[in-house]
């Protein structure tokens, strides 16, 4: 494993960026674009994932970084729950829902792995 020099090097941040792009793409069209409340909440949750990873990395303390990663992981869960609302409102179809949820799960797993690494790796 190579040393991470910038938050942009973190795989979970890259996944969160892709997740955010997907949320913006899905929420730009049709009735979804007109539901300002759900659209904006989902966008905020997605941006929160990548922002908390970046902010934690820049904090430069291991414990604080792990705390920010926990917040990012929580935002993944929030976004996953909101995907159900978008599906139930027929803003997204089943395939889009499955893609979004799978992206959330992958990102969450990557973040969890990073938290575990930070808490168990000496130094």
Protein backbone atom coordinates (compact mmCIF):
# COMPACT_ATOMS: atom_id res chain seq x y z
CA UNK A 1 0.00 0.00 0.00
CA UNK A 2 1.46 3.32 -1.04
CA UNK A 3 1.47 6.31 1.26
CA UNK A 4 -1.43 8.67 0.84
CA UNK A 5 -0.19 12.19 0.22
CA UNK A 6 -3.49 13.98 -0.48
CA UNK A 7 -7.12 13.26 0.29
CA UNK A 8 -7.65 12.85 -3.46
CA UNK A 9 -5.49 9.69 -3.23
CA UNK A 10 -7.93 7.98 -0.85
CA UNK A 11 -9.99 5.28 -2.55
CA UNK A 12 -13.07 5.94 -0.41
CA UNK A 13 -12.90 9.65 -1.35
CA UNK A 14 -12.77 8.69 -5.04
CA UNK A 15 -15.80 6.43 -4.51
CA UNK A 16 -17.60 9.24 -2.67
CA UNK A 17 -16.89 11.61 -5.54
CA UNK A 18 -18.38 9.14 -8.00
CA UNK A 19 -21.36 8.66 -5.67
CA UNK A 20 -21.90 12.42 -5.54
CA UNK A 21 -21.75 12.68 -9.32
CA UNK A 22 -24.36 9.93 -9.59
CA UNK A 23 -26.70 11.64 -7.12
CA UNK A 24 -26.43 14.92 -9.02
CA UNK A 25 -27.05 13.15 -12.34
CA UNK A 26 -30.11 11.30 -11.05
CA UNK A 27 -31.62 14.32 -9.33
CA UNK A 28 -31.34 16.70 -12.28
CA UNK A 29 -34.23 15.29 -14.31
CA UNK A 30 -38.00 15.02 -14.21
CA UNK A 31 -40.04 15.23 -11.05
CA UNK A 32 -36.96 14.52 -8.94
CA UNK A 33 -35.51 17.89 -9.95
CA UNK A 34 -38.69 19.60 -8.72
CA UNK A 35 -38.67 17.94 -5.29
CA UNK A 36 -36.27 20.48 -3.85
CA UNK A 37 -36.35 19.04 -0.36
CA UNK A 38 -35.38 15.45 -1.18
CA UNK A 39 -33.11 16.46 -4.05
CA UNK A 40 -31.16 18.91 -1.92
CA UNK A 41 -31.01 16.58 1.10
CA UNK A 42 -29.60 13.76 -1.00
CA UNK A 43 -27.08 16.08 -2.60
CA UNK A 44 -26.00 17.38 0.81
CA UNK A 45 -25.60 13.84 2.15
CA UNK A 46 -23.49 12.80 -0.85
CA UNK A 47 -21.29 15.89 -0.63
CA UNK A 48 -20.98 15.30 3.12
CA UNK A 49 -19.38 11.90 2.50
CA UNK A 50 -16.56 13.27 0.37
CA UNK A 51 -16.21 16.46 2.43
CA UNK A 52 -15.83 14.62 5.74
CA UNK A 53 -13.18 12.32 4.29
CA UNK A 54 -11.24 15.36 3.04
CA UNK A 55 -11.71 17.34 6.25
CA UNK A 56 -10.63 14.40 8.38
CA UNK A 57 -7.53 13.81 6.30
CA UNK A 58 -6.55 17.46 6.55
CA UNK A 59 -7.02 17.42 10.33
CA UNK A 60 -3.73 15.51 10.54
CA UNK A 61 -4.61 13.70 13.76
CA UNK A 62 -5.45 10.02 13.57
CA UNK A 63 -8.30 10.08 16.10
CA UNK A 64 -9.95 13.11 14.55
CA UNK A 65 -9.54 11.59 11.09
CA UNK A 66 -11.29 8.40 12.28
CA UNK A 67 -14.09 10.53 13.75
CA UNK A 68 -14.62 12.35 10.44
CA UNK A 69 -14.59 9.03 8.61
CA UNK A 70 -17.35 7.88 10.97
CA UNK A 71 -19.39 10.92 9.97
CA UNK A 72 -18.77 10.16 6.29
CA UNK A 73 -19.93 6.58 6.83
CA UNK A 74 -23.06 7.84 8.58
CA UNK A 75 -23.81 10.08 5.60
CA UNK A 76 -23.58 7.00 3.36
CA UNK A 77 -26.30 5.43 5.47
CA UNK A 78 -28.39 8.58 5.32
CA UNK A 79 -28.09 8.67 1.54
CA UNK A 80 -28.98 4.99 1.26
CA UNK A 81 -32.16 5.59 3.28
CA UNK A 82 -33.06 8.57 1.09
CA UNK A 83 -32.64 6.41 -2.01
CA UNK A 84 -35.67 4.45 -0.79
CA UNK A 85 -37.68 7.66 -0.67
CA UNK A 86 -36.62 8.49 -4.24
CA UNK A 87 -37.57 4.99 -5.38
CA UNK A 88 -40.93 5.06 -3.57
CA UNK A 89 -41.72 8.45 -5.14
CA UNK A 90 -40.89 6.99 -8.58
CA UNK A 91 -38.10 9.53 -9.07
CA UNK A 92 -35.68 6.71 -9.86
CA UNK A 93 -36.29 3.23 -11.22
CA UNK A 94 -35.20 -0.05 -9.64
CA UNK A 95 -31.97 -0.25 -11.63
CA UNK A 96 -30.97 3.30 -10.67
CA UNK A 97 -31.86 2.54 -7.06
CA UNK A 98 -29.77 -0.64 -7.06
CA UNK A 99 -26.81 1.19 -8.57
CA UNK A 100 -27.05 4.00 -6.02
CA UNK A 101 -27.45 1.68 -3.04
CA UNK A 102 -24.56 -0.52 -4.17
CA UNK A 103 -22.36 2.56 -4.52
CA UNK A 104 -23.33 3.63 -0.99
CA UNK A 105 -22.56 0.19 0.38
CA UNK A 106 -19.18 0.04 -1.37
CA UNK A 107 -18.21 3.49 -0.15
CA UNK A 108 -19.34 2.64 3.38
CA UNK A 109 -17.27 -0.57 3.38
CA UNK A 110 -14.21 1.29 2.15
CA UNK A 111 -14.62 3.91 4.87
CA UNK A 112 -15.10 1.21 7.50
CA UNK A 113 -11.93 -0.49 6.34
CA UNK A 114 -10.03 2.77 6.58
CA UNK A 115 -11.34 3.42 10.10
CA UNK A 116 -10.25 -0.08 11.13
CA UNK A 117 -6.83 0.50 9.60
CA UNK A 118 -6.39 3.82 11.43
CA UNK A 119 -7.40 2.32 14.76
CA UNK A 120 -5.22 -0.79 14.51
CA UNK A 121 -2.12 0.40 12.66
CA UNK A 122 0.62 1.60 15.03
CA UNK A 123 2.00 5.09 14.57
